[in-house]
Protein backbone atom coordinates (compact mmCIF):
# COMPACT_ATOMS: atom_id res chain seq x y z
CA MET A 1 37.62 -26.44 -13.32
CA GLY A 2 36.88 -22.91 -12.29
CA LYS A 3 34.08 -20.74 -13.57
CA ILE A 4 34.36 -19.52 -17.13
CA LEU A 5 33.76 -15.78 -17.32
CA LYS A 6 32.56 -14.79 -20.75
CA LYS A 7 33.79 -11.26 -21.31
CA ILE A 8 31.17 -10.14 -23.75
CA CYS A 9 30.14 -6.68 -22.55
CA LEU A 10 26.98 -5.11 -23.85
CA TYR A 11 26.93 -1.33 -23.79
CA PHE A 12 23.75 0.64 -24.13
CA LEU A 13 24.62 3.76 -26.08
CA PRO A 14 22.66 6.89 -27.05
CA LEU A 15 19.65 6.33 -29.31
CA SER A 16 19.16 2.98 -27.56
CA THR A 17 21.64 1.18 -29.77
CA LEU A 18 23.42 -1.93 -28.58
CA ALA A 19 27.11 -2.28 -29.31
CA PHE A 20 29.95 -4.58 -28.39
CA SER A 21 33.00 -3.08 -26.75
CA SER A 22 36.49 -4.08 -25.82
CA CYS A 23 35.44 -4.09 -22.14
CA THR A 24 37.61 -1.08 -21.26
CA LYS A 25 35.14 1.81 -21.37
CA LYS A 26 33.99 3.42 -18.12
CA ILE A 27 30.28 3.12 -17.37
CA ASP A 28 27.72 4.81 -15.14
CA ILE A 29 25.47 1.81 -14.43
CA GLY A 30 26.08 -1.92 -14.16
CA ILE A 31 22.97 -4.08 -14.67
CA ILE A 32 22.75 -7.74 -13.64
CA LEU A 33 19.89 -9.99 -14.79
CA PRO A 34 19.51 -13.66 -13.78
CA THR A 35 19.32 -15.69 -16.99
CA LYS A 36 18.76 -15.69 -20.73
CA ASN A 37 16.82 -18.94 -20.43
CA GLU A 38 13.53 -17.33 -19.37
CA PRO A 39 11.61 -15.03 -21.77
CA ARG A 40 10.82 -12.66 -18.90
CA TRP A 41 14.45 -11.54 -18.49
CA LEU A 42 14.93 -11.06 -22.22
CA GLN A 43 11.99 -8.64 -21.99
CA ASP A 44 13.84 -6.72 -19.28
CA GLU A 45 17.01 -6.62 -21.38
CA LYS A 46 15.04 -5.11 -24.25
CA ALA A 47 13.35 -2.68 -21.87
CA PHE A 48 16.67 -1.41 -20.50
CA LYS A 49 17.96 -0.90 -24.04
CA SER A 50 14.93 1.23 -24.89
CA GLN A 51 14.81 3.23 -21.64
CA LEU A 52 18.41 4.34 -21.21
CA GLY A 53 18.78 8.06 -21.80
CA GLN A 54 21.31 10.01 -23.82
CA GLN A 55 23.54 10.98 -20.90
CA LEU A 56 24.24 7.64 -19.19
CA SER A 57 26.15 4.54 -20.24
CA ALA A 58 25.48 1.05 -18.94
CA GLU A 59 26.69 -2.49 -19.24
CA LEU A 60 24.32 -5.43 -18.83
CA LEU A 61 25.46 -8.92 -17.88
CA PHE A 62 23.40 -12.06 -17.42
CA VAL A 63 24.20 -14.45 -14.59
CA GLU A 64 24.15 -17.98 -15.91
CA GLU A 65 24.67 -21.08 -13.78
CA ASN A 66 28.27 -22.33 -14.08
CA VAL A 67 29.21 -19.37 -16.29
CA ARG A 68 29.40 -16.33 -14.02
CA SER A 69 28.18 -15.27 -10.61
CA GLU A 70 26.81 -11.96 -9.40
CA THR A 71 30.21 -11.29 -7.81
CA ASP A 72 31.97 -11.90 -11.14
CA CYS A 73 29.69 -9.29 -12.72
CA VAL A 74 30.35 -6.75 -9.96
CA GLU A 75 34.10 -7.20 -10.40
CA GLU A 76 33.71 -6.40 -14.09
CA PHE A 77 31.68 -3.27 -13.27
CA LEU A 78 34.20 -2.08 -10.67
CA LYS A 79 36.93 -2.18 -13.30
CA LYS A 80 34.86 0.29 -15.29
CA LYS A 81 34.19 2.63 -12.33
CA ALA A 82 30.41 2.06 -12.33
CA LYS A 83 28.53 4.29 -9.90
CA ILE A 84 25.23 2.36 -9.72
CA LEU A 85 24.45 -1.36 -9.56
CA ILE A 86 20.98 -2.48 -10.68
CA ILE A 87 20.63 -6.17 -9.82
CA ALA A 88 17.97 -8.86 -10.13
CA PRO A 89 19.68 -11.78 -8.37
CA HIS A 90 20.04 -15.32 -9.65
CA SER A 91 21.39 -16.68 -6.35
CA GLU A 92 20.46 -14.98 -3.09
CA ASP A 93 23.72 -15.93 -1.36
CA GLU A 94 25.90 -14.75 -4.25
CA ALA A 95 23.81 -11.59 -4.61
CA VAL A 96 24.48 -10.66 -0.97
CA LYS A 97 28.23 -11.10 -1.49
CA ALA A 98 28.05 -9.07 -4.70
CA VAL A 99 26.14 -6.09 -3.33
CA GLU A 100 28.30 -5.94 -0.21
CA LYS A 101 31.42 -5.88 -2.39
CA ALA A 102 29.89 -3.22 -4.63
CA LYS A 103 28.76 -1.13 -1.67
CA SER A 104 32.17 -1.30 0.01
CA ASN A 105 33.63 0.07 -3.23
CA GLY A 106 31.30 3.06 -3.33
CA MET A 107 28.51 1.86 -5.61
CA SER A 108 24.84 2.59 -4.88
CA ILE A 109 22.66 -0.52 -5.02
CA ILE A 110 19.20 -0.85 -6.59
CA SER A 111 17.61 -4.27 -6.10
CA TYR A 112 15.55 -4.87 -9.24
CA ASP A 113 12.30 -6.89 -9.20
CA ARG A 114 13.69 -9.38 -6.64
CA LEU A 115 14.51 -8.06 -3.18
CA ILE A 116 17.95 -9.06 -1.91
CA THR A 117 17.53 -9.97 1.75
CA ASN A 118 19.66 -10.10 4.89
CA THR A 119 22.06 -7.31 4.01
CA GLN A 120 22.38 -3.62 4.84
CA SER A 121 23.90 -2.93 1.43
CA VAL A 122 20.69 -2.47 -0.60
CA ASP A 123 19.85 1.23 -0.99
CA TYR A 124 16.64 1.03 -3.04
CA PHE A 125 14.21 -1.54 -4.42
CA VAL A 126 12.31 -1.18 -7.71
CA THR A 127 9.56 -3.74 -8.11
CA PHE A 128 6.04 -4.49 -9.13
CA ASP A 129 3.57 -4.72 -6.24
CA SER A 130 4.34 -8.39 -5.67
CA PHE A 131 1.76 -8.89 -2.91
CA GLN A 132 -0.93 -7.41 -5.15
CA VAL A 133 0.12 -9.73 -7.97
CA GLY A 134 -0.67 -12.69 -5.72
CA VAL A 135 -3.93 -11.08 -4.60
CA MET A 136 -4.98 -10.62 -8.24
CA GLN A 137 -4.21 -14.25 -9.03
CA GLY A 138 -6.18 -15.48 -6.03
CA LEU A 139 -9.13 -13.19 -6.68
CA PHE A 140 -9.28 -14.34 -10.30
CA LEU A 141 -9.63 -17.95 -9.14
CA ASN A 142 -12.28 -16.97 -6.58
CA GLU A 143 -14.31 -15.15 -9.23
CA GLN A 144 -14.49 -18.29 -11.36
CA THR A 145 -16.08 -20.45 -8.65
CA GLU A 146 -19.83 -20.94 -8.71
CA ARG A 147 -21.61 -19.18 -5.88
CA GLY A 148 -22.24 -21.61 -3.03
CA SER A 149 -20.18 -24.41 -4.56
CA LYS A 150 -18.08 -26.53 -2.19
CA GLY A 151 -15.07 -28.81 -2.46
CA ASN A 152 -13.63 -27.33 -5.66
CA PRO A 153 -10.20 -28.96 -6.22
CA LEU A 154 -7.44 -26.38 -5.66
CA TYR A 155 -3.82 -26.96 -6.66
CA LEU A 156 -1.25 -24.55 -5.25
CA TYR A 157 2.15 -23.92 -6.83
CA ALA A 158 4.89 -21.47 -5.88
CA GLY A 159 8.07 -20.04 -7.38
CA SER A 160 11.50 -20.58 -5.89
CA LEU A 161 12.36 -20.70 -2.20
CA ALA A 162 15.56 -18.84 -3.12
CA ASP A 163 13.54 -15.86 -4.42
CA GLU A 164 11.97 -13.57 -1.81
CA ASN A 165 9.33 -12.50 -4.32
CA SER A 166 7.97 -16.05 -4.30
CA PHE A 167 6.98 -15.64 -0.66
CA ILE A 168 5.36 -12.27 -1.36
CA PHE A 169 3.41 -13.58 -4.37
CA PHE A 170 2.20 -16.61 -2.46
CA SER A 171 1.30 -14.59 0.64
CA GLY A 172 -0.84 -12.30 -1.51
CA ALA A 173 -2.65 -15.22 -3.10
CA TRP A 174 -3.09 -17.00 0.24
CA SER A 175 -4.65 -13.89 1.78
CA VAL A 176 -7.67 -14.21 -0.54
CA LEU A 177 -7.71 -17.97 -1.12
CA GLN A 178 -7.51 -18.92 2.57
CA PRO A 179 -11.02 -17.72 3.50
CA LYS A 180 -12.40 -19.82 0.63
CA ILE A 181 -10.38 -22.82 1.80
CA ALA A 182 -11.66 -22.30 5.34
CA ASP A 183 -15.33 -22.13 4.29
CA GLY A 184 -15.05 -25.25 2.13
CA THR A 185 -15.25 -23.61 -1.29
CA TYR A 186 -11.89 -25.22 -2.09
CA THR A 187 -10.25 -28.46 -1.12
CA VAL A 188 -6.46 -28.23 -1.38
CA CYS A 189 -5.30 -31.32 -3.26
CA ASN A 190 -1.51 -31.12 -3.33
CA VAL A 191 -0.40 -29.79 0.07
CA SER A 192 -0.31 -32.23 2.97
CA ASP A 193 -1.06 -29.63 5.62
CA GLY A 194 -3.36 -27.41 3.57
CA GLU A 195 -6.32 -28.39 5.72
CA ILE A 196 -4.35 -27.90 8.93
CA LEU A 197 -3.44 -24.34 7.94
CA LYS A 198 -6.79 -23.47 6.39
CA ASP A 199 -7.89 -21.36 9.36
CA LYS A 200 -4.68 -19.26 9.37
CA LYS A 201 -4.88 -16.24 7.08
CA ASN A 202 -1.50 -14.94 8.21
CA LEU A 203 1.10 -17.68 8.00
CA SER A 204 4.40 -17.43 9.86
CA ARG A 205 7.58 -17.50 7.82
CA HIS A 206 8.23 -21.04 9.03
CA GLU A 207 4.75 -22.13 7.95
CA LEU A 208 5.18 -20.47 4.58
CA GLU A 209 8.51 -22.17 4.00
CA HIS A 210 7.14 -25.57 5.01
CA LEU A 211 4.09 -25.23 2.80
CA MET A 212 5.91 -23.79 -0.21
CA ALA A 213 8.65 -26.43 -0.05
CA GLN A 214 6.00 -28.94 -1.14
CA ILE A 215 4.90 -26.92 -4.17
CA SER A 216 8.01 -25.03 -5.30
CA THR A 217 8.60 -25.02 -9.07
CA ASP A 218 11.91 -23.15 -8.84
CA TRP A 219 10.44 -21.04 -11.67
CA ASN A 220 11.43 -23.96 -13.90
CA PHE A 221 9.27 -25.44 -16.68
CA GLN A 222 10.53 -29.01 -16.22
CA THR A 223 10.24 -28.87 -12.43
CA ALA A 224 6.67 -27.59 -12.69
CA LYS A 225 5.82 -30.32 -15.21
CA ALA A 226 7.21 -33.09 -12.98
CA LEU A 227 5.43 -31.72 -9.92
CA ALA A 228 2.09 -31.51 -11.72
CA GLU A 229 2.51 -35.08 -12.98
CA LYS A 230 3.26 -36.26 -9.43
CA ASN A 231 0.25 -34.40 -8.05
CA LEU A 232 -2.18 -35.82 -10.60
CA ALA A 233 -0.82 -39.34 -10.14
CA ALA A 234 -1.73 -39.10 -6.45
CA ALA A 235 -5.13 -37.43 -7.02
CA THR A 236 -8.52 -39.10 -6.94
CA GLU A 237 -10.71 -38.96 -10.04
CA ALA A 238 -12.83 -36.27 -8.42
CA GLN A 239 -9.72 -34.16 -7.86
CA LYS A 240 -8.71 -34.24 -11.53
CA LYS A 241 -11.63 -32.35 -13.07
CA ASN A 242 -12.91 -28.80 -12.73
CA CYS A 243 -9.70 -27.73 -10.99
CA PHE A 244 -8.51 -24.33 -9.85
CA ILE A 245 -4.75 -23.93 -10.24
CA LEU A 246 -2.54 -21.23 -8.73
CA ALA A 247 0.44 -21.26 -11.11
CA PRO A 248 3.03 -18.65 -10.10
CA ASN A 249 4.14 -17.41 -13.53
CA ASP A 250 3.59 -17.99 -17.24
CA ASN A 251 6.49 -20.37 -17.73
CA THR A 252 5.23 -22.74 -15.05
CA ALA A 253 1.58 -22.15 -15.99
CA ARG A 254 2.16 -23.54 -19.48
CA ALA A 255 3.98 -26.59 -18.09
CA ILE A 256 1.21 -27.30 -15.59
CA SER A 257 -1.49 -26.67 -18.19
CA ASP A 258 0.10 -29.14 -20.61
CA VAL A 259 0.11 -31.85 -17.92
CA PHE A 260 -3.47 -31.29 -16.77
CA TYR A 261 -4.96 -31.12 -20.27
CA LYS A 262 -2.98 -34.15 -21.44
CA THR A 263 -3.84 -36.23 -18.37
CA VAL A 264 -7.52 -35.22 -18.24
CA PRO A 265 -8.53 -34.22 -21.80
CA ASP A 266 -12.16 -33.69 -20.79
CA GLY A 267 -11.31 -31.69 -17.66
CA SER A 268 -11.95 -28.02 -16.97
CA PHE A 269 -9.09 -26.03 -15.49
CA ILE A 270 -8.70 -22.41 -14.36
CA ILE A 271 -5.00 -21.54 -14.43
CA THR A 272 -3.27 -18.31 -13.39
CA GLY A 273 0.07 -16.86 -14.46
CA GLN A 274 2.13 -13.70 -14.60
CA ASP A 275 4.59 -11.89 -16.92
CA ALA A 276 2.46 -11.67 -20.11
CA GLU A 277 4.85 -13.85 -22.09
CA ASN A 278 4.01 -14.20 -25.79
CA GLU A 279 3.56 -17.96 -25.56
CA SER A 280 1.11 -17.58 -22.69
CA ILE A 281 -0.95 -15.07 -24.68
CA LYS A 282 -1.32 -17.88 -27.23
CA TYR A 283 -2.42 -20.21 -24.41
CA ILE A 284 -5.00 -17.66 -23.24
CA LEU A 285 -6.38 -17.27 -26.75
CA ASN A 286 -6.57 -21.08 -27.06
CA GLY A 287 -8.22 -21.52 -23.65
CA LYS A 288 -5.30 -23.37 -22.02
CA GLN A 289 -4.37 -20.57 -19.58
CA ASP A 290 -6.93 -18.21 -18.15
CA MET A 291 -5.05 -15.13 -17.04
CA THR A 292 -1.68 -13.52 -16.70
CA ILE A 293 -0.43 -10.44 -14.89
CA TRP A 294 1.00 -7.83 -17.21
CA LYS A 295 4.03 -6.49 -15.43
CA ASN A 296 5.17 -3.91 -17.96
CA THR A 297 8.95 -4.26 -17.88
CA ASN A 298 9.30 -1.11 -19.99
CA VAL A 299 7.90 0.88 -17.06
CA LEU A 300 9.90 -1.07 -14.46
CA ALA A 301 13.19 -0.52 -16.32
CA LYS A 302 12.33 3.16 -16.75
CA ASP A 303 11.67 3.48 -13.01
CA ALA A 304 15.04 1.87 -12.27
CA ILE A 305 16.91 4.13 -14.70
CA ASN A 306 15.13 7.23 -13.35
CA LEU A 307 16.06 6.25 -9.81
CA ALA A 308 19.69 5.68 -10.84
CA THR A 309 19.71 9.06 -12.59
CA ASP A 310 18.44 10.76 -9.44
CA ILE A 311 21.26 9.20 -7.41
CA ILE A 312 23.93 10.21 -9.92
CA GLU A 313 22.58 13.76 -10.08
CA LYS A 314 22.42 14.01 -6.27
CA ARG A 315 18.63 14.13 -6.05
CA THR A 316 16.63 12.17 -3.48
CA PRO A 317 14.69 9.47 -5.38
CA ILE A 318 10.92 9.44 -4.95
CA THR A 319 9.69 6.15 -3.46
CA SER A 320 6.22 4.93 -2.52
CA THR A 321 6.76 2.41 0.30
CA THR A 322 9.38 0.26 2.03
CA TYR A 323 10.10 -3.48 2.04
CA ASN A 324 11.88 -5.06 4.98
CA ASN A 325 14.69 -7.34 3.79
CA GLY A 326 15.49 -8.78 7.21
CA LYS A 327 18.14 -6.18 7.96
CA LYS A 328 16.55 -2.85 7.04
CA ASP A 329 13.48 -1.16 5.57
CA VAL A 330 14.44 -0.61 1.94
CA PRO A 331 12.90 2.47 0.23
CA THR A 332 10.86 1.09 -2.67
CA LYS A 333 9.36 2.34 -5.92
CA GLN A 334 6.37 0.17 -6.90
CA THR A 335 5.16 -0.22 -10.48
CA ALA A 336 1.51 -0.93 -11.27
CA VAL A 337 0.30 -4.24 -12.77
CA THR A 338 -2.70 -5.27 -14.90
CA VAL A 339 -4.74 -8.49 -15.11
CA ILE A 340 -4.96 -9.84 -18.67
CA ASP A 341 -7.53 -12.48 -19.65
CA LYS A 342 -9.50 -13.38 -22.77
CA ASN A 343 -11.71 -10.30 -22.32
CA ASN A 344 -8.93 -7.71 -22.57
CA VAL A 345 -6.05 -9.59 -24.19
CA ASN A 346 -6.34 -7.38 -27.28
CA MET A 347 -5.26 -4.43 -25.13
CA LEU A 348 -1.93 -6.15 -24.60
CA ILE A 349 -1.62 -7.18 -28.25
CA ASP A 350 -2.48 -3.68 -29.49
CA SER A 351 0.22 -2.22 -27.22
CA ASP A 352 2.76 -4.35 -29.15
CA TYR A 353 4.36 -5.30 -25.85
CA ASN A 354 7.53 -7.28 -26.54
CA GLY A 355 6.76 -7.29 -30.27
CA ILE A 356 3.60 -9.31 -29.75
CA LYS A 357 1.45 -7.62 -32.40
CA ALA A 358 3.26 -9.25 -35.32
CA LYS A 359 2.40 -12.72 -33.94
CA TYR A 360 -1.32 -12.16 -33.49
CA LYS A 361 -2.44 -9.48 -35.92
């Protein structure tokens, strides 16, 4: 059977209201997000609803496996004469096809949060400083080690090999963890060639891919859980306690945390994360996750909408750097991030980010 395209079109109207339409109205902006199955992308949906201005109309579609592809979404947007495509890809290959189709039909392309690689058709990239996110995660782990201690068990986990951000996050973390691996502060417990690569601060793309293939979670809770179980089953008793764990995001951090605390109830674990998901704030308060990176999606969505507005109104968007996607240097607007741990978690709660205040106050 072919793909089923659910034609439920969500229009963001003035006053940030959300309405259903008959799928015939022209729009200014088409927005594609990867999935409804991860809390992070529901945060972005809410952020776009709140940030859209009075003058622009937009339609937002989620890509869901076996439901619709990025290309299906673009075809819907082209019917409505959309001028701008804002896209966080679900599948890299499909995303390339989609943006090239959109570009050939006159749309301007903004890659959102995840950089679409190996195509000339991306005009701009709006993202958090992904390398710095990894640096912050790695530094947090380093700060928790006792001065002069050696052989601390380190477990490395990564996102998805299909997501370019995963490589950037991991490279950032590796840049600050590697010197501590090299001097013996850490012993890598779940990567076969961790010791071989320990003296290389700058890994080649091939080395990154080979290393990350062993620890990829695919950003999936169940995959992360199974991988952590496999890693602990192969670990020595000494490698199961007082562990330092680079978990790539909150979803996988909770899965990994559950496995470690269930398997070694008397263990001590330092676990990173990112996205400031409500459930992970609960884990931080309960001592089962130690930090997250607050990537304020309200600001990221606002930056994307402002950039789209500049394009529509014939202004040159202001960018802060470039990212090379394998085919071109893409002008990029970076959004700042914040480390959240038990010492400043109330700052996040008090901000009522993603409606969190009602759950904890």
